[in-house]
Amino acid sequence: QVQLVESGGGLVQAGGSLRLSCSASGNANVMGWYRQAPGKQRELVATITSGGFTNYADSVKGRFTISRDNAKNTVYLEMNSLKPDDTAVYYCNVRRFGEVYWGQGTQVTVSS
């Protein structure tokens, strides 16, 4: 069992920045972030492998950057040029030896 602890959500004005962090209690093959806005399905934001290969949703390319510290089992999401459409609950996601784990979610609200 892997425990995930997220931090860094909050309220920000459009054009602003936020940084999310997620620390895992064990190592992981793939770490990433998903988000779910009210009335919408959960969607991929970005993922990163243990080797540093990244994947982004088209809607965040060029604005968000995912990174990880393997020594700390921590994944980060740097979010810049935030838009009201980015408002959602952001969930950390970790895949480890065929198992999938989710964080509790952190709210990101972008005001116009």
Protein backbone atom coordinates (compact mmCIF):
# COMPACT_ATOMS: atom_id res chain seq x y z
CA GLN A 1 0.00 0.00 0.00
CA VAL A 2 1.28 3.46 -0.94
CA GLN A 3 0.16 6.59 0.87
CA LEU A 4 0.07 9.88 -1.01
CA VAL A 5 0.17 13.34 0.53
CA GLU A 6 -0.70 16.28 -1.68
CA SER A 7 -0.18 19.97 -1.07
CA GLY A 8 -0.13 23.28 -2.88
CA GLY A 9 -3.65 23.94 -4.08
CA GLY A 10 -5.44 27.22 -3.52
CA LEU A 11 -7.06 30.27 -5.05
CA VAL A 12 -5.25 32.31 -7.66
CA GLN A 13 -6.15 34.96 -10.21
CA ALA A 14 -6.07 34.21 -13.91
CA GLY A 15 -2.53 34.46 -15.21
CA GLY A 16 -1.09 33.43 -11.88
CA SER A 17 0.91 30.39 -10.83
CA LEU A 18 0.67 27.53 -8.37
CA ARG A 19 2.86 24.56 -7.54
CA LEU A 20 1.43 21.23 -6.47
CA SER A 21 3.42 18.56 -4.65
CA CYS A 22 2.69 14.92 -3.97
CA SER A 23 4.84 12.73 -1.77
CA ALA A 24 4.52 8.96 -1.92
CA SER A 25 5.43 6.53 0.85
CA GLY A 26 7.12 4.25 -1.69
CA ASN A 27 8.78 4.41 -5.06
CA ALA A 28 6.73 4.42 -8.22
CA ASN A 29 7.06 3.70 -11.90
CA VAL A 30 4.79 6.47 -13.13
CA MET A 31 3.64 9.51 -11.20
CA GLY A 32 1.18 12.04 -12.44
CA TRP A 33 -1.67 14.44 -11.96
CA TYR A 34 -5.28 14.25 -13.02
CA ARG A 35 -8.06 16.75 -12.47
CA GLN A 36 -11.81 16.79 -12.19
CA ALA A 37 -13.94 19.87 -12.66
CA PRO A 38 -17.55 20.03 -11.41
CA GLY A 39 -19.84 18.03 -13.69
CA LYS A 40 -16.96 16.67 -15.74
CA GLN A 41 -15.02 13.44 -15.89
CA ARG A 42 -11.58 13.11 -14.37
CA GLU A 43 -8.94 13.84 -16.98
CA LEU A 44 -5.22 13.46 -17.40
CA VAL A 45 -3.10 16.54 -16.78
CA ALA A 46 0.45 15.17 -16.93
CA THR A 47 2.51 12.10 -16.12
CA ILE A 48 6.20 11.39 -15.68
CA THR A 49 8.05 8.09 -15.61
CA SER A 50 10.90 7.19 -13.29
CA GLY A 51 13.21 7.86 -16.24
CA GLY A 52 11.85 11.35 -16.73
CA PHE A 53 9.64 10.80 -19.78
CA THR A 54 6.72 13.22 -19.64
CA ASN A 55 3.27 13.36 -21.16
CA TYR A 56 0.89 16.33 -21.08
CA ALA A 57 -2.70 17.03 -21.96
CA ASP A 58 -2.90 19.37 -24.93
CA SER A 59 -4.77 21.92 -22.82
CA VAL A 60 -1.81 22.43 -20.47
CA LYS A 61 1.17 22.08 -22.82
CA GLY A 62 3.47 25.07 -22.57
CA ARG A 63 1.89 26.23 -19.31
CA PHE A 64 2.36 23.33 -16.87
CA THR A 65 5.56 21.47 -16.05
CA ILE A 66 5.71 18.12 -14.28
CA SER A 67 8.86 16.97 -12.51
CA ARG A 68 9.83 14.44 -9.89
CA ASP A 69 12.46 13.79 -7.27
CA ASN A 70 13.02 10.04 -7.24
CA ALA A 71 15.07 10.19 -4.05
CA LYS A 72 12.09 11.77 -2.26
CA ASN A 73 9.37 9.85 -4.15
CA THR A 74 7.79 13.23 -4.85
CA VAL A 75 6.15 14.60 -7.96
CA TYR A 76 5.56 18.29 -8.64
CA LEU A 77 3.30 20.20 -10.98
CA GLU A 78 4.30 23.77 -11.76
CA MET A 79 1.27 25.56 -13.17
CA ASN A 80 1.74 28.91 -14.91
CA SER A 81 -0.55 31.19 -16.88
CA LEU A 82 -3.51 29.68 -15.10
CA LYS A 83 -6.96 30.07 -16.62
CA PRO A 84 -10.44 29.81 -15.07
CA ASP A 85 -10.86 26.58 -17.06
CA ASP A 86 -8.06 25.07 -14.96
CA THR A 87 -10.32 25.20 -11.91
CA ALA A 88 -10.72 21.66 -10.61
CA VAL A 89 -9.75 19.21 -7.92
CA TYR A 90 -6.29 17.93 -8.78
CA TYR A 91 -5.45 14.33 -7.89
CA CYS A 92 -2.04 12.79 -7.60
CA ASN A 93 -1.77 9.40 -9.29
CA VAL A 94 0.92 6.79 -8.78
CA ARG A 95 1.41 3.49 -10.59
CA ARG A 96 3.58 0.90 -8.92
CA PHE A 97 4.03 -2.73 -9.90
CA GLY A 98 0.67 -2.89 -11.63
CA GLU A 99 -1.22 -1.12 -8.87
CA VAL A 100 -2.71 2.36 -9.02
CA TYR A 101 -2.99 4.77 -6.11
CA TRP A 102 -4.80 8.11 -5.84
CA GLY A 103 -4.28 11.06 -3.56
CA GLN A 104 -7.12 12.73 -1.69
CA GLY A 105 -7.22 15.66 -4.10
CA THR A 106 -6.40 19.32 -3.74
CA GLN A 107 -8.61 22.17 -4.93
CA VAL A 108 -7.28 24.65 -7.46
CA THR A 109 -9.50 27.64 -8.14
CA VAL A 110 -8.64 30.25 -10.75
CA SER A 111 -10.64 33.45 -10.65
CA SER A 112 -11.19 35.63 -13.71
